[in-house]
Amino acid sequence: AADTGRLHGIREKDGTLVGGVLLRTL
């Protein structure tokens, strides 16, 4: 919301959350 970071999950084809990538700072 403050445009200072992002967090996204990596999901398998079946929708299972298995990891993530982020912008810790922006």
PDB file of all heavy atoms in Angstrom:
ATOM      1  N   ALA A   1       0.823  -1.208   0.000  1.00  0.00           N
ATOM      2  CA  ALA A   1       0.000   0.000   0.000  1.00  0.00           C
ATOM      3  C   ALA A   1       0.860   1.261   0.000  1.00  0.00           C
ATOM      4  O   ALA A   1       0.504   2.257  -0.632  1.00  0.00           O
ATOM      5  CB  ALA A   1      -0.930   0.000   1.216  1.00  0.00           C
ATOM      6  N   ALA A   2       2.006   1.204   0.674  1.00  0.00           N
ATOM      7  CA  ALA A   2       2.916   2.354   0.732  1.00  0.00           C
ATOM      8  C   ALA A   2       3.901   2.370  -0.435  1.00  0.00           C
ATOM      9  O   ALA A   2       4.693   3.300  -0.564  1.00  0.00           O
ATOM     10  CB  ALA A   2       3.690   2.334   2.051  1.00  0.00           C
ATOM     11  N   ASP A   3       3.841   1.334  -1.282  1.00  0.00           N
ATOM     12  CA  ASP A   3       4.744   1.199  -2.432  1.00  0.00           C
ATOM     13  C   ASP A   3       6.205   1.087  -1.994  1.00  0.00           C
ATOM     14  O   ASP A   3       7.103   1.652  -2.609  1.00  0.00           O
ATOM     15  CB  ASP A   3       4.561   2.374  -3.402  1.00  0.00           C
ATOM     16  CG  ASP A   3       4.661   1.942  -4.856  1.00  0.00           C
ATOM     17  OD1 ASP A   3       4.712   0.733  -5.128  1.00  0.00           O
ATOM     18  OD2 ASP A   3       4.709   2.835  -5.722  1.00  0.00           O
ATOM     19  N   THR A   4       6.440   0.319  -0.917  1.00  0.00           N
ATOM     20  CA  THR A   4       7.799   0.137  -0.400  1.00  0.00           C
ATOM     21  C   THR A   4       8.228  -1.329  -0.338  1.00  0.00           C
ATOM     22  O   THR A   4       9.307  -1.629   0.171  1.00  0.00           O
ATOM     23  CB  THR A   4       7.928   0.751   1.012  1.00  0.00           C
ATOM     24  OG1 THR A   4       7.000   0.110   1.890  1.00  0.00           O
ATOM     25  CG2 THR A   4       7.696   2.258   0.979  1.00  0.00           C
ATOM     26  N   GLY A   5       7.407  -2.244  -0.857  1.00  0.00           N
ATOM     27  CA  GLY A   5       7.759  -3.661  -0.876  1.00  0.00           C
ATOM     28  C   GLY A   5       6.649  -4.483  -1.485  1.00  0.00           C
ATOM     29  O   GLY A   5       5.530  -3.989  -1.672  1.00  0.00           O
ATOM     30  N   ARG A   6       6.950  -5.734  -1.798  1.00  0.00           N
ATOM     31  CA  ARG A   6       5.962  -6.657  -2.379  1.00  0.00           C
ATOM     32  C   ARG A   6       6.269  -8.071  -1.909  1.00  0.00           C
ATOM     33  O   ARG A   6       7.423  -8.427  -1.672  1.00  0.00           O
ATOM     34  CB  ARG A   6       6.004  -6.653  -3.910  1.00  0.00           C
ATOM     35  CG  ARG A   6       5.589  -5.354  -4.576  1.00  0.00           C
ATOM     36  CD  ARG A   6       4.091  -5.111  -4.404  1.00  0.00           C
ATOM     37  NE  ARG A   6       3.619  -3.976  -5.160  1.00  0.00           N
ATOM     38  CZ  ARG A   6       3.740  -2.710  -4.802  1.00  0.00           C
ATOM     39  NH1 ARG A   6       4.346  -2.384  -3.696  1.00  0.00           N
ATOM     40  NH2 ARG A   6       3.245  -1.747  -5.546  1.00  0.00           N
ATOM     41  N   LEU A   7       5.225  -8.903  -1.833  1.00  0.00           N
ATOM     42  CA  LEU A   7       5.354 -10.297  -1.428  1.00  0.00           C
ATOM     43  C   LEU A   7       4.453 -11.144  -2.313  1.00  0.00           C
ATOM     44  O   LEU A   7       3.254 -10.871  -2.416  1.00  0.00           O
ATOM     45  CB  LEU A   7       4.945 -10.447   0.042  1.00  0.00           C
ATOM     46  CG  LEU A   7       4.926 -11.840   0.626  1.00  0.00           C
ATOM     47  CD1 LEU A   7       6.342 -12.422   0.662  1.00  0.00           C
ATOM     48  CD2 LEU A   7       4.324 -11.821   2.027  1.00  0.00           C
ATOM     49  N   HIS A   8       5.045 -12.149  -2.952  1.00  0.00           N
ATOM     50  CA  HIS A   8       4.291 -13.031  -3.842  1.00  0.00           C
ATOM     51  C   HIS A   8       4.615 -14.483  -3.540  1.00  0.00           C
ATOM     52  O   HIS A   8       5.777 -14.834  -3.269  1.00  0.00           O
ATOM     53  CB  HIS A   8       4.641 -12.750  -5.308  1.00  0.00           C
ATOM     54  CG  HIS A   8       4.082 -11.466  -5.807  1.00  0.00           C
ATOM     55  ND1 HIS A   8       4.577 -10.234  -5.434  1.00  0.00           N
ATOM     56  CD2 HIS A   8       3.057 -11.218  -6.641  1.00  0.00           C
ATOM     57  CE1 HIS A   8       3.875  -9.284  -6.032  1.00  0.00           C
ATOM     58  NE2 HIS A   8       2.948  -9.857  -6.763  1.00  0.00           N
ATOM     59  N   GLY A   9       3.591 -15.307  -3.618  1.00  0.00           N
ATOM     60  CA  GLY A   9       3.762 -16.735  -3.400  1.00  0.00           C
ATOM     61  C   GLY A   9       3.927 -17.474  -4.712  1.00  0.00           C
ATOM     62  O   GLY A   9       3.379 -17.082  -5.740  1.00  0.00           O
ATOM     63  N   ILE A  10       4.685 -18.554  -4.646  1.00  0.00           N
ATOM     64  CA  ILE A  10       4.841 -19.461  -5.778  1.00  0.00           C
ATOM     65  C   ILE A  10       3.934 -20.655  -5.503  1.00  0.00           C
ATOM     66  O   ILE A  10       4.042 -21.300  -4.454  1.00  0.00           O
ATOM     67  CB  ILE A  10       6.302 -19.931  -5.925  1.00  0.00           C
ATOM     68  CG1 ILE A  10       7.232 -18.732  -6.126  1.00  0.00           C
ATOM     69  CG2 ILE A  10       6.427 -20.933  -7.065  1.00  0.00           C
ATOM     70  CD1 ILE A  10       8.717 -19.077  -6.022  1.00  0.00           C
ATOM     71  N   ARG A  11       3.042 -20.934  -6.439  1.00  0.00           N
ATOM     72  CA  ARG A  11       2.084 -22.031  -6.280  1.00  0.00           C
ATOM     73  C   ARG A  11       2.266 -23.069  -7.373  1.00  0.00           C
ATOM     74  O   ARG A  11       2.504 -22.731  -8.528  1.00  0.00           O
ATOM     75  CB  ARG A  11       0.654 -21.493  -6.338  1.00  0.00           C
ATOM     76  CG  ARG A  11       0.337 -20.559  -5.194  1.00  0.00           C
ATOM     77  CD  ARG A  11      -1.113 -20.081  -5.251  1.00  0.00           C
ATOM     78  NE  ARG A  11      -1.398 -19.200  -4.141  1.00  0.00           N
ATOM     79  CZ  ARG A  11      -1.675 -19.610  -2.907  1.00  0.00           C
ATOM     80  NH1 ARG A  11      -1.735 -20.899  -2.652  1.00  0.00           N
ATOM     81  NH2 ARG A  11      -1.908 -18.737  -1.942  1.00  0.00           N
ATOM     82  N   GLU A  12       2.130 -24.321  -6.955  1.00  0.00           N
ATOM     83  CA  GLU A  12       2.135 -25.432  -7.904  1.00  0.00           C
ATOM     84  C   GLU A  12       0.852 -25.386  -8.735  1.00  0.00           C
ATOM     85  O   GLU A  12      -0.088 -24.656  -8.403  1.00  0.00           O
ATOM     86  CB  GLU A  12       2.202 -26.767  -7.148  1.00  0.00           C
ATOM     87  CG  GLU A  12       3.441 -26.953  -6.327  1.00  0.00           C
ATOM     88  CD  GLU A  12       4.601 -27.509  -7.120  1.00  0.00           C
ATOM     89  OE1 GLU A  12       4.633 -27.357  -8.361  1.00  0.00           O
ATOM     90  OE2 GLU A  12       5.483 -28.093  -6.489  1.00  0.00           O
ATOM     91  N   LYS A  13       0.808 -26.210  -9.753  1.00  0.00           N
ATOM     92  CA  LYS A  13      -0.369 -26.291 -10.630  1.00  0.00           C
ATOM     93  C   LYS A  13      -1.654 -26.548  -9.832  1.00  0.00           C
ATOM     94  O   LYS A  13      -2.701 -26.013 -10.142  1.00  0.00           O
ATOM     95  CB  LYS A  13      -0.153 -27.396 -11.660  1.00  0.00           C
ATOM     96  CG  LYS A  13      -1.259 -27.547 -12.653  1.00  0.00           C
ATOM     97  CD  LYS A  13      -0.936 -28.634 -13.658  1.00  0.00           C
ATOM     98  CE  LYS A  13      -1.995 -28.702 -14.733  1.00  0.00           C
ATOM     99  NZ  LYS A  13      -1.634 -29.680 -15.773  1.00  0.00           N
ATOM    100  N   ASP A  14      -1.552 -27.356  -8.777  1.00  0.00           N
ATOM    101  CA  ASP A  14      -2.732 -27.681  -7.971  1.00  0.00           C
ATOM    102  C   ASP A  14      -3.089 -26.599  -6.954  1.00  0.00           C
ATOM    103  O   ASP A  14      -4.020 -26.760  -6.163  1.00  0.00           O
ATOM    104  CB  ASP A  14      -2.547 -29.023  -7.265  1.00  0.00           C
ATOM    105  CG  ASP A  14      -1.473 -29.005  -6.179  1.00  0.00           C
ATOM    106  OD1 ASP A  14      -0.862 -27.935  -5.936  1.00  0.00           O
ATOM    107  OD2 ASP A  14      -1.233 -30.066  -5.577  1.00  0.00           O
ATOM    108  N   GLY A  15      -2.337 -25.483  -6.937  1.00  0.00           N
ATOM    109  CA  GLY A  15      -2.622 -24.375  -6.041  1.00  0.00           C
ATOM    110  C   GLY A  15      -1.841 -24.384  -4.739  1.00  0.00           C
ATOM    111  O   GLY A  15      -1.933 -23.445  -3.951  1.00  0.00           O
ATOM    112  N   THR A  16      -1.066 -25.443  -4.491  1.00  0.00           N
ATOM    113  CA  THR A  16      -0.298 -25.537  -3.250  1.00  0.00           C
ATOM    114  C   THR A  16       0.799 -24.481  -3.205  1.00  0.00           C
ATOM    115  O   THR A  16       1.599 -24.366  -4.133  1.00  0.00           O
ATOM    116  CB  THR A  16       0.344 -26.933  -3.111  1.00  0.00           C
ATOM    117  OG1 THR A  16      -0.680 -27.921  -3.172  1.00  0.00           O
ATOM    118  CG2 THR A  16       1.107 -27.067  -1.797  1.00  0.00           C
ATOM    119  N   LEU A  17       0.839 -23.728  -2.119  1.00  0.00           N
ATOM    120  CA  LEU A  17       1.875 -22.729  -1.895  1.00  0.00           C
ATOM    121  C   LEU A  17       3.169 -23.444  -1.533  1.00  0.00           C
ATOM    122  O   LEU A  17       3.215 -24.203  -0.567  1.00  0.00           O
ATOM    123  CB  LEU A  17       1.449 -21.790  -0.768  1.00  0.00           C
ATOM    124  CG  LEU A  17       2.413 -20.674  -0.383  1.00  0.00           C
ATOM    125  CD1 LEU A  17       2.615 -19.704  -1.541  1.00  0.00           C
ATOM    126  CD2 LEU A  17       1.891 -19.945   0.850  1.00  0.00           C
ATOM    127  N   VAL A  18       4.249 -23.220  -2.315  1.00  0.00           N
ATOM    128  CA  VAL A  18       5.516 -23.924  -2.087  1.00  0.00           C
ATOM    129  C   VAL A  18       6.698 -22.990  -1.876  1.00  0.00           C
ATOM    130  O   VAL A  18       7.799 -23.448  -1.572  1.00  0.00           O
ATOM    131  CB  VAL A  18       5.837 -24.914  -3.234  1.00  0.00           C
ATOM    132  CG1 VAL A  18       4.814 -26.042  -3.273  1.00  0.00           C
ATOM    133  CG2 VAL A  18       5.936 -24.202  -4.574  1.00  0.00           C
ATOM    134  N   GLY A  19       6.500 -21.690  -2.037  1.00  0.00           N
ATOM    135  CA  GLY A  19       7.612 -20.755  -1.857  1.00  0.00           C
ATOM    136  C   GLY A  19       7.168 -19.343  -2.140  1.00  0.00           C
ATOM    137  O   GLY A  19       5.975 -19.063  -2.270  1.00  0.00           O
ATOM    138  N   GLY A  20       8.153 -18.475  -2.244  1.00  0.00           N
ATOM    139  CA  GLY A  20       7.817 -17.094  -2.525  1.00  0.00           C
ATOM    140  C   GLY A  20       9.013 -16.269  -2.939  1.00  0.00           C
ATOM    141  O   GLY A  20      10.172 -16.685  -2.779  1.00  0.00           O
ATOM    142  N   VAL A  21       8.709 -15.145  -3.507  1.00  0.00           N
ATOM    143  CA  VAL A  21       9.699 -14.118  -3.834  1.00  0.00           C
ATOM    144  C   VAL A  21       9.161 -12.803  -3.301  1.00  0.00           C
ATOM    145  O   VAL A  21       7.957 -12.619  -3.162  1.00  0.00           O
ATOM    146  CB  VAL A  21      10.000 -14.019  -5.349  1.00  0.00           C
ATOM    147  CG1 VAL A  21      10.721 -15.265  -5.842  1.00  0.00           C
ATOM    148  CG2 VAL A  21       8.749 -13.762  -6.154  1.00  0.00           C
ATOM    149  N   LEU A  22      10.086 -11.910  -2.989  1.00  0.00           N
ATOM    150  CA  LEU A  22       9.649 -10.649  -2.429  1.00  0.00           C
ATOM    151  C   LEU A  22      10.598  -9.534  -2.805  1.00  0.00           C
ATOM    152  O   LEU A  22      11.747  -9.782  -3.192  1.00  0.00           O
ATOM    153  CB  LEU A  22       9.561 -10.759  -0.901  1.00  0.00           C
ATOM    154  CG  LEU A  22      10.837 -11.114  -0.161  1.00  0.00           C
ATOM    155  CD1 LEU A  22      11.432  -9.880   0.493  1.00  0.00           C
ATOM    156  CD2 LEU A  22      10.564 -12.159   0.889  1.00  0.00           C
ATOM    157  N   LEU A  23      10.066  -8.356  -2.725  1.00  0.00           N
ATOM    158  CA  LEU A  23      10.890  -7.154  -2.728  1.00  0.00           C
ATOM    159  C   LEU A  23      10.863  -6.701  -1.283  1.00  0.00           C
ATOM    160  O   LEU A  23       9.880  -6.115  -0.818  1.00  0.00           O
ATOM    161  CB  LEU A  23      10.330  -6.092  -3.678  1.00  0.00           C
ATOM    162  CG  LEU A  23      10.310  -6.485  -5.148  1.00  0.00           C
ATOM    163  CD1 LEU A  23       9.711  -5.363  -5.988  1.00  0.00           C
ATOM    164  CD2 LEU A  23      11.688  -6.860  -5.651  1.00  0.00           C
ATOM    165  N   ARG A  24      11.916  -7.049  -0.546  1.00  0.00           N
ATOM    166  CA  ARG A  24      11.994  -6.720   0.878  1.00  0.00           C
ATOM    167  C   ARG A  24      11.980  -5.218   1.076  1.00  0.00           C
ATOM    168  O   ARG A  24      11.362  -4.704   1.999  1.00  0.00           O
ATOM    169  CB  ARG A  24      13.252  -7.334   1.501  1.00  0.00           C
ATOM    170  CG  ARG A  24      13.211  -7.380   3.016  1.00  0.00           C
ATOM    171  CD  ARG A  24      14.491  -7.906   3.598  1.00  0.00           C
ATOM    172  NE  ARG A  24      15.587  -6.965   3.462  1.00  0.00           N
ATOM    173  CZ  ARG A  24      15.725  -5.859   4.184  1.00  0.00           C
ATOM    174  NH1 ARG A  24      14.835  -5.545   5.084  1.00  0.00           N
ATOM    175  NH2 ARG A  24      16.755  -5.056   3.995  1.00  0.00           N
ATOM    176  N   THR A  25      12.667  -4.518   0.187  1.00  0.00           N
ATOM    177  CA  THR A  25      12.634  -3.061   0.160  1.00  0.00           C
ATOM    178  C   THR A  25      12.370  -2.622  -1.272  1.00  0.00           C
ATOM    179  O   THR A  25      12.727  -3.321  -2.226  1.00  0.00           O
ATOM    180  CB  THR A  25      13.955  -2.436   0.651  1.00  0.00           C
ATOM    181  OG1 THR A  25      15.014  -2.850  -0.213  1.00  0.00           O
ATOM    182  CG2 THR A  25      14.263  -2.852   2.080  1.00  0.00           C
ATOM    183  N   LEU A  26      11.753  -1.468  -1.409  1.00  0.00           N
ATOM    184  CA  LEU A  26      11.460  -0.878  -2.708  1.00  0.00           C
ATOM    185  C   LEU A  26      11.531   0.632  -2.531  1.00  0.00           C
ATOM    186  O   LEU A  26      10.646   1.235  -1.935  1.00  0.00           O
ATOM    187  CB  LEU A  26      10.074  -1.312  -3.190  1.00  0.00           C
ATOM    188  CG  LEU A  26       9.566  -0.768  -4.511  1.00  0.00           C
ATOM    189  CD1 LEU A  26      10.434  -1.248  -5.676  1.00  0.00           C
ATOM    190  CD2 LEU A  26       8.111  -1.184  -4.733  1.00  0.00           C
TER     191      LEU A  26
END
